[in-house]
C-alpha atoms as a PDB file:
ATOM      1  CA  MET A   1      77.083   1.577  33.578  1.00  0.00           C
ATOM      2  CA  VAL A   2      78.642   2.528  30.257  1.00  0.00           C
ATOM      3  CA  GLY A   3      77.861   1.163  26.849  1.00  0.00           C
ATOM      4  CA  TYR A   4      79.357   1.789  23.441  1.00  0.00           C
ATOM      5  CA  GLN A   5      77.877  -0.233  20.606  1.00  0.00           C
ATOM      6  CA  ILE A   6      79.181  -3.767  21.186  1.00  0.00           C
ATOM      7  CA  ASN A   7      80.863  -2.942  24.497  1.00  0.00           C
ATOM      8  CA  TRP A   8      79.200  -2.993  27.866  1.00  0.00           C
ATOM      9  CA  ASN A   9      80.765  -2.187  31.193  1.00  0.00           C
ATOM     10  CA  ALA A  10      79.691  -1.858  34.803  1.00  0.00           C
ATOM     11  CA  SER A  11      81.633  -0.953  37.896  1.00  0.00           C
ATOM     12  CA  ALA A  12      81.797  -3.452  40.757  1.00  0.00           C
ATOM     13  CA  SER A  13      79.367  -1.370  42.824  1.00  0.00           C
ATOM     14  CA  GLU A  14      76.520  -1.276  40.299  1.00  0.00           C
ATOM     15  CA  LYS A  15      73.221  -2.888  41.233  1.00  0.00           C
ATOM     16  CA  VAL A  16      72.946  -4.705  37.889  1.00  0.00           C
ATOM     17  CA  LEU A  17      75.661  -7.101  39.028  1.00  0.00           C
ATOM     18  CA  GLN A  18      73.222  -8.368  41.708  1.00  0.00           C
ATOM     19  CA  HIS A  19      70.351  -8.887  39.234  1.00  0.00           C
ATOM     20  CA  GLU A  20      69.244 -12.499  38.861  1.00  0.00           C
ATOM     21  CA  LEU A  21      69.596 -12.360  35.062  1.00  0.00           C
ATOM     22  CA  TYR A  22      73.131 -11.054  35.321  1.00  0.00           C
ATOM     23  CA  THR A  23      73.969 -13.893  37.677  1.00  0.00           C
ATOM     24  CA  LYS A  24      72.301 -16.405  35.371  1.00  0.00           C
ATOM     25  CA  TYR A  25      74.354 -15.499  32.302  1.00  0.00           C
ATOM     26  CA  ALA A  26      77.571 -14.487  34.034  1.00  0.00           C
ATOM     27  CA  SER A  27      78.058 -18.101  35.051  1.00  0.00           C
ATOM     28  CA  LEU A  28      78.115 -19.253  31.410  1.00  0.00           C
ATOM     29  CA  THR A  29      80.578 -18.924  28.556  1.00  0.00           C
ATOM     30  CA  PHE A  30      79.437 -17.059  25.472  1.00  0.00           C
ATOM     31  CA  GLY A  31      79.324 -20.400  23.646  1.00  0.00           C
ATOM     32  CA  GLU A  32      76.861 -21.743  26.164  1.00  0.00           C
ATOM     33  CA  ILE A  33      74.478 -18.782  26.025  1.00  0.00           C
ATOM     34  CA  GLN A  34      71.419 -19.454  23.912  1.00  0.00           C
ATOM     35  CA  PRO A  35      70.230 -16.235  22.201  1.00  0.00           C
ATOM     36  CA  ASP A  36      66.591 -17.354  22.281  1.00  0.00           C
ATOM     37  CA  ASP A  37      66.808 -17.686  26.071  1.00  0.00           C
ATOM     38  CA  VAL A  38      68.233 -14.175  26.360  1.00  0.00           C
ATOM     39  CA  LYS A  39      65.499 -12.832  24.073  1.00  0.00           C
ATOM     40  CA  ALA A  40      62.817 -14.539  26.182  1.00  0.00           C
ATOM     41  CA  ASP A  41      64.263 -13.055  29.370  1.00  0.00           C
ATOM     42  CA  LEU A  42      64.499  -9.616  27.749  1.00  0.00           C
ATOM     43  CA  ALA A  43      60.860  -9.863  26.602  1.00  0.00           C
ATOM     44  CA  GLY A  44      59.806 -10.465  30.212  1.00  0.00           C
ATOM     45  CA  ILE A  45      61.332  -7.229  31.540  1.00  0.00           C
ATOM     46  CA  MET A  46      59.121  -4.191  32.058  1.00  0.00           C
ATOM     47  CA  ALA A  47      60.226  -1.222  29.948  1.00  0.00           C
ATOM     48  CA  THR A  48      61.051   1.213  32.785  1.00  0.00           C
ATOM     49  CA  THR A  49      64.057   3.366  33.654  1.00  0.00           C
ATOM     50  CA  GLY A  50      64.801   0.922  36.424  1.00  0.00           C
ATOM     51  CA  SER A  51      65.395  -1.868  33.912  1.00  0.00           C
ATOM     52  CA  THR A  52      67.842   0.056  31.712  1.00  0.00           C
ATOM     53  CA  ALA A  53      70.998  -1.552  33.068  1.00  0.00           C
ATOM     54  CA  ILE A  54      69.857  -5.175  32.784  1.00  0.00           C
ATOM     55  CA  CYS A  55      68.364  -4.530  29.333  1.00  0.00           C
ATOM     56  CA  ALA A  56      71.689  -3.067  28.200  1.00  0.00           C
ATOM     57  CA  TYR A  57      73.495  -6.124  29.571  1.00  0.00           C
ATOM     58  CA  LEU A  58      71.151  -8.570  27.815  1.00  0.00           C
ATOM     59  CA  ALA A  59      71.400  -6.607  24.548  1.00  0.00           C
ATOM     60  CA  TRP A  60      75.182  -6.788  24.836  1.00  0.00           C
ATOM     61  CA  LEU A  61      74.946 -10.556  25.289  1.00  0.00           C
ATOM     62  CA  LEU A  62      72.833 -10.807  22.136  1.00  0.00           C
ATOM     63  CA  ARG A  63      75.240  -8.656  20.101  1.00  0.00           C
ATOM     64  CA  THR A  64      78.273 -10.613  21.349  1.00  0.00           C
ATOM     65  CA  THR A  65      76.767 -14.050  20.771  1.00  0.00           C
ATOM     66  CA  ALA A  66      75.747 -12.943  17.250  1.00  0.00           C
ATOM     67  CA  PHE A  67      79.450 -12.636  16.436  1.00  0.00           C
ATOM     68  CA  LEU A  68      79.845 -16.337  17.162  1.00  0.00           C
ATOM     69  CA  GLU A  69      77.168 -17.195  14.610  1.00  0.00           C
ATOM     70  CA  GLU A  70      78.849 -15.329  11.747  1.00  0.00           C
END
């Protein structure tokens, strides 16, 4: 996983791509994603090193959807 400010990237072999929250949001367009839903999902994740990748993905979703609100 690599992240640079607004950008987020994962290779096809990374475990985050199998995470249920990745699957949930990857099936939506950015316009369909509700930031409050993402925030609620992020709030329910334990703050461990094992959750780094999915937290980075959700944070990227929030930053990207914020651009649509400007």
